[in-house]
Amino acid sequence: LTISVVPNGDRRMIWILVFTILLYLYIMRRLWFEWEVFIRLRHRFLLNGDPSFYKTQTYLKTYRNSVMVESVPRTHRSDRNLKDVFESLFPGQVDHAEMIINTSKLETLLTKRRALLDKYDSLMARHRYELWRYNTWQQKGRVVGCSNRLSKPIEPKVWSGGLCSGSMERVDAFPHITNLIKELDKSADEEFERIIDTRLKWRDASL
């Protein structure tokens, strides 16, 4: 029995209405239970922080009394200037103020590097397996050219270039990936140096 076969004006429609109301009430009640659990966990997190950290009084005090401010004007991007602003708003209530560097670019570079390393390891493992398989067949007296022909494996190829550049070509995988990793290492080192220089500049401006 479905609602589509119930004719208009049939009294059985009332049961469908009752069932629909009960279903919605049940769903809303379950959502309320989940909300109560979430609220308790959320308040506990806001009060005590990440439970994976060791709960020392110093950590709890720092966590409960810290705030992060974004989009700080360039004229105030130093520890001293930032603290002076907070002191003007909350006199005698600021223990420490520090500028934090945005490291998202460095994290992106390291993520790409890890992906290239994983790809290199995967290709190398497969290539070495194919070489081992070929050498094993040769040692067992398999002759290339018989019914169980097995060709000597060659180094894998990957696509180089970009679709937009129109210069896509297949190149040896291992040298190509190695060069890409070296380029990422250089970019990551430069970004790391920039982060350190910026942090030192903001710190020294406070002296």
C-alpha atoms as a PDB file:
ATOM      1  CA  LEU A   1       0.000   0.000   0.000  1.00  0.00           C
ATOM      2  CA  THR A   2       1.435   3.344  -1.090  1.00  0.00           C
ATOM      3  CA  ILE A   3       0.038   6.857  -1.036  1.00  0.00           C
ATOM      4  CA  SER A   4      -0.315   6.818  -4.813  1.00  0.00           C
ATOM      5  CA  VAL A   5      -3.067   4.168  -4.704  1.00  0.00           C
ATOM      6  CA  VAL A   6      -5.087   5.862  -1.970  1.00  0.00           C
ATOM      7  CA  PRO A   7      -8.000   7.686  -3.616  1.00  0.00           C
ATOM      8  CA  ASN A   8      -8.805  11.291  -2.795  1.00  0.00           C
ATOM      9  CA  GLY A   9     -11.024  11.710   0.238  1.00  0.00           C
ATOM     10  CA  ASP A  10     -10.182   8.267   1.589  1.00  0.00           C
ATOM     11  CA  ARG A  11     -10.011   8.161   5.378  1.00  0.00           C
ATOM     12  CA  ARG A  12      -6.819   6.145   5.241  1.00  0.00           C
ATOM     13  CA  MET A  13      -5.033   9.395   4.345  1.00  0.00           C
ATOM     14  CA  ILE A  14      -5.247  10.334   8.033  1.00  0.00           C
ATOM     15  CA  TRP A  15      -2.909   7.475   8.920  1.00  0.00           C
ATOM     16  CA  ILE A  16      -0.357   8.737   6.422  1.00  0.00           C
ATOM     17  CA  LEU A  17      -0.594  12.180   7.993  1.00  0.00           C
ATOM     18  CA  VAL A  18      -0.191  10.760  11.495  1.00  0.00           C
ATOM     19  CA  PHE A  19       2.795   8.669  10.424  1.00  0.00           C
ATOM     20  CA  THR A  20       4.428  11.706   8.773  1.00  0.00           C
ATOM     21  CA  ILE A  21       3.996  13.826  11.896  1.00  0.00           C
ATOM     22  CA  LEU A  22       5.389  11.081  14.139  1.00  0.00           C
ATOM     23  CA  LEU A  23       8.358  10.583  11.817  1.00  0.00           C
ATOM     24  CA  TYR A  24       9.232  14.288  11.869  1.00  0.00           C
ATOM     25  CA  LEU A  25       8.883  14.408  15.648  1.00  0.00           C
ATOM     26  CA  TYR A  26      11.214  11.419  15.977  1.00  0.00           C
ATOM     27  CA  ILE A  27      13.800  13.001  13.673  1.00  0.00           C
ATOM     28  CA  MET A  28      13.670  16.326  15.533  1.00  0.00           C
ATOM     29  CA  ARG A  29      14.048  14.520  18.853  1.00  0.00           C
ATOM     30  CA  ARG A  30      17.107  12.633  17.616  1.00  0.00           C
ATOM     31  CA  LEU A  31      18.633  15.880  16.336  1.00  0.00           C
ATOM     32  CA  TRP A  32      18.020  17.432  19.751  1.00  0.00           C
ATOM     33  CA  PHE A  33      19.875  14.559  21.452  1.00  0.00           C
ATOM     34  CA  GLU A  34      22.829  15.011  19.048  1.00  0.00           C
ATOM     35  CA  TRP A  35      22.810  18.759  19.666  1.00  0.00           C
ATOM     36  CA  GLU A  36      23.002  18.276  23.423  1.00  0.00           C
ATOM     37  CA  VAL A  37      26.007  15.955  23.029  1.00  0.00           C
ATOM     38  CA  PHE A  38      27.705  18.375  20.614  1.00  0.00           C
ATOM     39  CA  ILE A  39      27.167  21.365  22.917  1.00  0.00           C
ATOM     40  CA  ARG A  40      28.808  19.595  25.857  1.00  0.00           C
ATOM     41  CA  LEU A  41      31.806  18.565  23.736  1.00  0.00           C
ATOM     42  CA  ARG A  42      32.087  22.038  22.216  1.00  0.00           C
ATOM     43  CA  HIS A  43      32.033  23.774  25.591  1.00  0.00           C
ATOM     44  CA  ARG A  44      34.620  21.316  26.924  1.00  0.00           C
ATOM     45  CA  PHE A  45      36.884  22.069  23.951  1.00  0.00           C
ATOM     46  CA  LEU A  46      36.529  25.827  24.331  1.00  0.00           C
ATOM     47  CA  LEU A  47      37.300  25.531  28.036  1.00  0.00           C
ATOM     48  CA  ASN A  48      40.175  23.011  28.009  1.00  0.00           C
ATOM     49  CA  GLY A  49      41.486  22.945  24.443  1.00  0.00           C
ATOM     50  CA  ASP A  50      42.691  19.933  22.515  1.00  0.00           C
ATOM     51  CA  PRO A  51      42.490  16.837  24.769  1.00  0.00           C
ATOM     52  CA  SER A  52      45.611  15.398  23.095  1.00  0.00           C
ATOM     53  CA  PHE A  53      47.779  17.968  24.894  1.00  0.00           C
ATOM     54  CA  TYR A  54      49.077  17.469  28.394  1.00  0.00           C
ATOM     55  CA  LYS A  55      46.864  19.449  30.740  1.00  0.00           C
ATOM     56  CA  THR A  56      49.198  21.723  32.663  1.00  0.00           C
ATOM     57  CA  GLN A  57      48.033  24.890  34.359  1.00  0.00           C
ATOM     58  CA  THR A  58      50.276  26.942  32.079  1.00  0.00           C
ATOM     59  CA  TYR A  59      48.713  25.421  28.978  1.00  0.00           C
ATOM     60  CA  LEU A  60      45.157  25.888  30.232  1.00  0.00           C
ATOM     61  CA  LYS A  61      45.814  29.493  31.239  1.00  0.00           C
ATOM     62  CA  THR A  62      47.377  30.284  27.868  1.00  0.00           C
ATOM     63  CA  TYR A  63      44.618  28.543  25.928  1.00  0.00           C
ATOM     64  CA  ARG A  64      41.746  30.127  27.836  1.00  0.00           C
ATOM     65  CA  ASN A  65      43.158  33.637  27.543  1.00  0.00           C
ATOM     66  CA  SER A  66      44.476  33.652  23.967  1.00  0.00           C
ATOM     67  CA  VAL A  67      42.886  35.183  20.890  1.00  0.00           C
ATOM     68  CA  MET A  68      43.937  35.252  17.227  1.00  0.00           C
ATOM     69  CA  VAL A  69      43.473  38.417  15.166  1.00  0.00           C
ATOM     70  CA  GLU A  70      43.728  38.348  11.375  1.00  0.00           C
ATOM     71  CA  SER A  71      44.290  41.038   8.721  1.00  0.00           C
ATOM     72  CA  VAL A  72      46.641  43.089  10.898  1.00  0.00           C
ATOM     73  CA  PRO A  73      47.621  46.356   9.118  1.00  0.00           C
ATOM     74  CA  ARG A  74      51.219  46.519   7.894  1.00  0.00           C
ATOM     75  CA  THR A  75      51.939  49.433  10.201  1.00  0.00           C
ATOM     76  CA  HIS A  76      51.199  47.224  13.218  1.00  0.00           C
ATOM     77  CA  ARG A  77      52.972  44.040  12.102  1.00  0.00           C
ATOM     78  CA  SER A  78      55.455  43.730  14.929  1.00  0.00           C
ATOM     79  CA  ASP A  79      55.210  42.209  18.380  1.00  0.00           C
ATOM     80  CA  ARG A  80      55.637  45.590  20.092  1.00  0.00           C
ATOM     81  CA  ASN A  81      53.108  47.460  17.955  1.00  0.00           C
ATOM     82  CA  LEU A  82      50.579  44.672  18.292  1.00  0.00           C
ATOM     83  CA  LYS A  83      50.939  44.587  22.061  1.00  0.00           C
ATOM     84  CA  ASP A  84      50.616  48.382  22.269  1.00  0.00           C
ATOM     85  CA  VAL A  85      47.288  48.179  20.435  1.00  0.00           C
ATOM     86  CA  PHE A  86      45.965  45.529  22.807  1.00  0.00           C
ATOM     87  CA  GLU A  87      47.280  47.446  25.826  1.00  0.00           C
ATOM     88  CA  SER A  88      45.374  50.531  24.697  1.00  0.00           C
ATOM     89  CA  LEU A  89      42.207  48.438  24.571  1.00  0.00           C
ATOM     90  CA  PHE A  90      42.822  46.322  27.688  1.00  0.00           C
ATOM     91  CA  PRO A  91      45.270  48.191  29.944  1.00  0.00           C
ATOM     92  CA  GLY A  92      47.299  45.897  32.205  1.00  0.00           C
ATOM     93  CA  GLN A  93      45.598  42.731  30.937  1.00  0.00           C
ATOM     94  CA  VAL A  94      47.956  41.719  28.099  1.00  0.00           C
ATOM     95  CA  ASP A  95      50.838  39.382  28.979  1.00  0.00           C
ATOM     96  CA  HIS A  96      52.178  38.697  25.496  1.00  0.00           C
ATOM     97  CA  ALA A  97      51.495  39.504  21.838  1.00  0.00           C
ATOM     98  CA  GLU A  98      53.226  37.871  18.901  1.00  0.00           C
ATOM     99  CA  MET A  99      52.874  37.993  15.127  1.00  0.00           C
ATOM    100  CA  ILE A 100      52.358  34.571  13.542  1.00  0.00           C
ATOM    101  CA  ILE A 101      53.561  33.853  10.000  1.00  0.00           C
ATOM    102  CA  ASN A 102      51.260  32.374   7.368  1.00  0.00           C
ATOM    103  CA  THR A 103      52.964  29.120   6.320  1.00  0.00           C
ATOM    104  CA  SER A 104      50.271  27.819   3.941  1.00  0.00           C
ATOM    105  CA  LYS A 105      52.544  28.209   0.886  1.00  0.00           C
ATOM    106  CA  LEU A 106      55.312  26.186   2.537  1.00  0.00           C
ATOM    107  CA  GLU A 107      52.820  23.502   3.567  1.00  0.00           C
ATOM    108  CA  THR A 108      51.566  23.286  -0.032  1.00  0.00           C
ATOM    109  CA  LEU A 109      55.106  22.850  -1.352  1.00  0.00           C
ATOM    110  CA  LEU A 110      55.847  20.105   1.170  1.00  0.00           C
ATOM    111  CA  THR A 111      52.589  18.334   0.297  1.00  0.00           C
ATOM    112  CA  LYS A 112      53.510  18.347  -3.396  1.00  0.00           C
ATOM    113  CA  ARG A 113      56.987  17.073  -2.529  1.00  0.00           C
ATOM    114  CA  ARG A 114      55.523  14.189  -0.517  1.00  0.00           C
ATOM    115  CA  ALA A 115      53.229  13.289  -3.434  1.00  0.00           C
ATOM    116  CA  LEU A 116      56.196  13.213  -5.821  1.00  0.00           C
ATOM    117  CA  LEU A 117      58.204  11.044  -3.423  1.00  0.00           C
ATOM    118  CA  ASP A 118      55.308   8.601  -3.146  1.00  0.00           C
ATOM    119  CA  LYS A 119      55.001   8.477  -6.937  1.00  0.00           C
ATOM    120  CA  TYR A 120      58.746   7.931  -7.315  1.00  0.00           C
ATOM    121  CA  ASP A 121      58.741   5.117  -4.753  1.00  0.00           C
ATOM    122  CA  SER A 122      55.739   3.453  -6.397  1.00  0.00           C
ATOM    123  CA  LEU A 123      57.279   3.571  -9.880  1.00  0.00           C
ATOM    124  CA  MET A 124      60.659   2.393  -8.583  1.00  0.00           C
ATOM    125  CA  ALA A 125      59.117  -0.539  -6.700  1.00  0.00           C
ATOM    126  CA  ARG A 126      57.179  -1.659  -9.763  1.00  0.00           C
ATOM    127  CA  HIS A 127      60.190  -1.270 -12.043  1.00  0.00           C
ATOM    128  CA  ARG A 128      62.448  -3.276  -9.730  1.00  0.00           C
ATOM    129  CA  TYR A 129      59.802  -5.981  -9.485  1.00  0.00           C
ATOM    130  CA  GLU A 130      59.641  -6.222 -13.279  1.00  0.00           C
ATOM    131  CA  LEU A 131      63.442  -6.438 -13.439  1.00  0.00           C
ATOM    132  CA  TRP A 132      63.476  -9.166 -10.779  1.00  0.00           C
ATOM    133  CA  ARG A 133      60.770 -11.074 -12.628  1.00  0.00           C
ATOM    134  CA  TYR A 134      62.682 -10.811 -15.916  1.00  0.00           C
ATOM    135  CA  ASN A 135      65.991 -11.890 -14.330  1.00  0.00           C
ATOM    136  CA  THR A 136      64.295 -14.808 -12.597  1.00  0.00           C
ATOM    137  CA  TRP A 137      62.897 -16.038 -15.889  1.00  0.00           C
ATOM    138  CA  GLN A 138      66.318 -15.725 -17.501  1.00  0.00           C
ATOM    139  CA  GLN A 139      67.982 -17.700 -14.728  1.00  0.00           C
ATOM    140  CA  LYS A 140      65.419 -20.479 -15.104  1.00  0.00           C
ATOM    141  CA  GLY A 141      66.371 -20.909 -18.734  1.00  0.00           C
ATOM    142  CA  ARG A 142      63.513 -19.027 -20.332  1.00  0.00           C
ATOM    143  CA  VAL A 143      64.536 -18.064 -23.831  1.00  0.00           C
ATOM    144  CA  VAL A 144      63.284 -14.828 -25.234  1.00  0.00           C
ATOM    145  CA  GLY A 145      61.305 -15.630 -28.327  1.00  0.00           C
ATOM    146  CA  CYS A 146      59.587 -18.804 -27.096  1.00  0.00           C
ATOM    147  CA  SER A 147      55.926 -19.131 -26.234  1.00  0.00           C
ATOM    148  CA  ASN A 148      56.573 -17.674 -22.788  1.00  0.00           C
ATOM    149  CA  ARG A 149      58.237 -14.557 -24.156  1.00  0.00           C
ATOM    150  CA  LEU A 150      59.182 -11.939 -21.566  1.00  0.00           C
ATOM    151  CA  SER A 151      60.794  -8.708 -22.733  1.00  0.00           C
ATOM    152  CA  LYS A 152      63.316  -6.843 -20.648  1.00  0.00           C
ATOM    153  CA  PRO A 153      61.475  -4.044 -18.849  1.00  0.00           C
ATOM    154  CA  ILE A 154      62.360  -0.433 -19.622  1.00  0.00           C
ATOM    155  CA  GLU A 155      62.252   2.535 -17.304  1.00  0.00           C
ATOM    156  CA  PRO A 156      58.759   3.974 -16.909  1.00  0.00           C
ATOM    157  CA  LYS A 157      57.680   7.137 -18.700  1.00  0.00           C
ATOM    158  CA  VAL A 158      55.599  10.067 -17.468  1.00  0.00           C
ATOM    159  CA  TRP A 159      54.033  13.045 -19.170  1.00  0.00           C
ATOM    160  CA  SER A 160      56.012  16.269 -18.977  1.00  0.00           C
ATOM    161  CA  GLY A 161      54.701  19.764 -19.586  1.00  0.00           C
ATOM    162  CA  GLY A 162      51.184  21.137 -19.302  1.00  0.00           C
ATOM    163  CA  LEU A 163      47.989  21.016 -21.298  1.00  0.00           C
ATOM    164  CA  CYS A 164      47.932  24.794 -21.604  1.00  0.00           C
ATOM    165  CA  SER A 165      51.517  25.008 -22.854  1.00  0.00           C
ATOM    166  CA  GLY A 166      50.876  22.513 -25.635  1.00  0.00           C
ATOM    167  CA  SER A 167      54.250  20.845 -25.068  1.00  0.00           C
ATOM    168  CA  MET A 168      53.212  17.552 -23.561  1.00  0.00           C
ATOM    169  CA  GLU A 169      55.721  14.761 -24.083  1.00  0.00           C
ATOM    170  CA  ARG A 170      56.663  11.480 -22.464  1.00  0.00           C
ATOM    171  CA  VAL A 171      59.994  11.489 -20.663  1.00  0.00           C
ATOM    172  CA  ASP A 172      61.911   9.117 -18.387  1.00  0.00           C
ATOM    173  CA  ALA A 173      60.119   9.115 -15.050  1.00  0.00           C
ATOM    174  CA  PHE A 174      62.985   8.905 -12.580  1.00  0.00           C
ATOM    175  CA  PRO A 175      65.137  11.829 -13.827  1.00  0.00           C
ATOM    176  CA  HIS A 176      62.037  13.957 -14.403  1.00  0.00           C
ATOM    177  CA  ILE A 177      60.583  13.379 -10.939  1.00  0.00           C
ATOM    178  CA  THR A 178      64.012  13.896  -9.358  1.00  0.00           C
ATOM    179  CA  ASN A 179      64.299  17.296 -11.042  1.00  0.00           C
ATOM    180  CA  LEU A 180      60.814  18.251  -9.894  1.00  0.00           C
ATOM    181  CA  ILE A 181      61.701  17.310  -6.320  1.00  0.00           C
ATOM    182  CA  LYS A 182      64.880  19.395  -6.503  1.00  0.00           C
ATOM    183  CA  GLU A 183      62.871  22.389  -7.761  1.00  0.00           C
ATOM    184  CA  LEU A 184      60.380  21.982  -4.918  1.00  0.00           C
ATOM    185  CA  ASP A 185      63.241  21.680  -2.420  1.00  0.00           C
ATOM    186  CA  LYS A 186      64.663  24.964  -3.688  1.00  0.00           C
ATOM    187  CA  SER A 187      61.283  26.711  -3.528  1.00  0.00           C
ATOM    188  CA  ALA A 188      60.632  25.305  -0.044  1.00  0.00           C
ATOM    189  CA  ASP A 189      64.046  26.500   1.190  1.00  0.00           C
ATOM    190  CA  GLU A 190      63.393  29.973  -0.203  1.00  0.00           C
ATOM    191  CA  GLU A 191      59.958  30.113   1.406  1.00  0.00           C
ATOM    192  CA  PHE A 192      61.387  28.900   4.708  1.00  0.00           C
ATOM    193  CA  GLU A 193      64.077  31.598   4.608  1.00  0.00           C
ATOM    194  CA  ARG A 194      61.414  34.204   3.855  1.00  0.00           C
ATOM    195  CA  ILE A 195      59.362  33.065   6.855  1.00  0.00           C
ATOM    196  CA  ILE A 196      62.401  33.219   9.155  1.00  0.00           C
ATOM    197  CA  ASP A 197      63.455  36.642   7.870  1.00  0.00           C
ATOM    198  CA  THR A 198      59.933  38.013   8.279  1.00  0.00           C
ATOM    199  CA  ARG A 199      59.626  36.645  11.801  1.00  0.00           C
ATOM    200  CA  LEU A 200      63.003  38.079  12.823  1.00  0.00           C
ATOM    201  CA  LYS A 201      62.097  41.441  11.316  1.00  0.00           C
ATOM    202  CA  TRP A 202      58.835  41.570  13.253  1.00  0.00           C
ATOM    203  CA  ARG A 203      60.610  40.465  16.425  1.00  0.00           C
ATOM    204  CA  ASP A 204      63.513  42.911  16.061  1.00  0.00           C
ATOM    205  CA  ALA A 205      61.068  45.746  15.368  1.00  0.00           C
ATOM    206  CA  SER A 206      59.826  45.180  18.897  1.00  0.00           C
ATOM    207  CA  LEU A 207      63.217  45.877  20.468  1.00  0.00           C
END
